[in-house]
Amino acid sequence: MKKNITIVILLAGALALSACSKQQFSINDGSGSLAKDDKHDFIVGGIRQTEVVDAATICSGADKVMSVEVEQTAMNAFLTVVSLGIYAPRQYRVTCGSASTLPSAGE
């Protein structure tokens, strides 16, 4: 009986830790560099909670924003599982490019 419970717990943990997700929003084409890599802390799984990241301010202009992504990393998932969903962090990244690396409107 103990062996079965251990197997179930290990399988549930493996499933929970493999539940990583990533959403990436590409705004402009071209090359850029990572301008901000941070996390937001949510409580109770983030239910009815929002966080706003102003990528235009981070990149000094909306025309310089290359991409924005949000990710639940393996460590974020682990912390969520260990805290039983009470603490649920999410990682976010903003990539910026300079005006010279962006394609012109005629291209």
Protein backbone atom coordinates (compact mmCIF):
# COMPACT_ATOMS: atom_id res chain seq x y z
CA MET A 1 0.00 0.00 0.00
CA LYS A 2 2.81 2.43 0.89
CA LYS A 3 4.52 1.66 -2.41
CA ASN A 4 1.38 2.54 -4.39
CA ILE A 5 0.96 5.82 -2.55
CA THR A 6 4.61 6.69 -3.20
CA ILE A 7 4.21 5.95 -6.92
CA VAL A 8 1.06 8.09 -7.13
CA ILE A 9 2.78 10.98 -5.35
CA LEU A 10 5.82 10.75 -7.63
CA LEU A 11 3.66 10.63 -10.77
CA ALA A 12 1.55 13.57 -9.60
CA GLY A 13 4.70 15.56 -8.84
CA ALA A 14 6.22 14.74 -12.24
CA LEU A 15 3.00 15.76 -13.98
CA ALA A 16 2.78 19.02 -12.05
CA LEU A 17 6.41 19.93 -12.75
CA SER A 18 6.05 19.17 -16.45
CA ALA A 19 3.17 21.62 -16.76
CA CYS A 20 5.33 24.52 -17.88
CA SER A 21 3.82 27.03 -20.27
CA LYS A 22 5.02 29.97 -22.31
CA GLN A 23 3.18 32.67 -24.22
CA GLN A 24 5.21 34.92 -26.51
CA PHE A 25 3.89 37.98 -28.32
CA SER A 26 6.09 39.22 -31.17
CA ILE A 27 5.36 42.86 -31.90
CA ASN A 28 8.10 43.90 -34.36
CA ASP A 29 10.42 41.89 -36.59
CA GLY A 30 14.18 42.19 -36.29
CA SER A 31 16.79 41.51 -33.68
CA GLY A 32 16.75 42.80 -30.16
CA SER A 33 18.11 42.29 -26.70
CA LEU A 34 16.53 41.29 -23.43
CA ALA A 35 15.63 44.47 -21.56
CA LYS A 36 13.75 43.07 -18.56
CA ASP A 37 13.51 39.58 -17.03
CA ASP A 38 11.45 39.59 -13.85
CA LYS A 39 8.56 37.80 -12.15
CA HIS A 40 5.17 38.59 -10.75
CA ASP A 41 3.97 37.00 -7.54
CA PHE A 42 0.38 35.79 -7.47
CA ILE A 43 -1.58 34.38 -4.56
CA VAL A 44 -4.12 31.54 -4.74
CA GLY A 45 -3.16 30.70 -8.30
CA GLY A 46 -3.62 34.28 -9.47
CA ILE A 47 -7.42 34.07 -9.44
CA ARG A 48 -8.87 37.50 -10.28
CA GLN A 49 -5.42 39.11 -10.13
CA THR A 50 -3.70 41.02 -12.91
CA GLU A 51 -0.30 42.57 -13.39
CA VAL A 52 0.51 45.10 -16.10
CA VAL A 53 3.90 45.33 -17.80
CA ASP A 54 4.35 48.54 -19.81
CA ALA A 55 6.75 47.33 -22.49
CA ALA A 56 6.74 50.72 -24.24
CA THR A 57 8.13 52.38 -21.11
CA ILE A 58 10.73 49.63 -20.63
CA CYS A 59 11.89 49.96 -24.26
CA SER A 60 11.64 53.79 -24.37
CA GLY A 61 8.94 53.71 -27.05
CA ALA A 62 6.34 51.31 -28.43
CA ASP A 63 8.14 51.20 -31.79
CA LYS A 64 11.16 49.58 -30.09
CA VAL A 65 9.27 46.67 -28.46
CA MET A 66 10.30 43.42 -30.14
CA SER A 67 8.49 40.84 -27.99
CA VAL A 68 6.88 40.18 -24.64
CA GLU A 69 6.66 36.72 -23.14
CA VAL A 70 5.19 35.19 -20.01
CA GLU A 71 6.35 31.81 -18.77
CA GLN A 72 5.63 29.40 -15.98
CA THR A 73 9.04 27.83 -15.47
CA ALA A 74 9.71 24.49 -13.78
CA MET A 75 10.73 26.36 -10.62
CA ASN A 76 7.52 28.43 -10.73
CA ALA A 77 5.49 25.22 -11.04
CA PHE A 78 7.45 23.61 -8.21
CA LEU A 79 6.80 26.57 -5.89
CA THR A 80 3.11 26.51 -6.79
CA VAL A 81 2.84 22.78 -6.04
CA VAL A 82 4.82 23.00 -2.79
CA SER A 83 2.64 25.87 -1.56
CA LEU A 84 -0.52 24.00 -2.63
CA GLY A 85 -1.36 26.80 -5.08
CA ILE A 86 -1.20 29.57 -2.50
CA TYR A 87 1.89 31.13 -4.10
CA ALA A 88 2.02 31.10 -7.92
CA PRO A 89 4.85 33.11 -9.51
CA ARG A 90 5.09 33.81 -13.26
CA GLN A 91 8.19 34.91 -15.16
CA TYR A 92 8.02 37.65 -17.79
CA ARG A 93 10.53 39.00 -20.30
CA VAL A 94 10.56 42.08 -22.53
CA THR A 95 12.85 42.24 -25.58
CA CYS A 96 13.67 45.61 -27.11
CA GLY A 97 15.38 46.65 -30.32
CA SER A 98 16.83 49.96 -31.38
CA ALA A 99 15.20 51.97 -34.14
CA SER A 100 18.10 51.07 -36.45
CA THR A 101 17.49 47.31 -36.09
CA LEU A 102 13.80 47.53 -36.98
CA PRO A 103 12.73 47.13 -40.62
CA SER A 104 11.46 50.30 -42.26
CA ALA A 105 7.79 50.68 -43.22
CA GLY A 106 8.59 50.20 -46.93
CA GLU A 107 10.18 46.76 -46.47
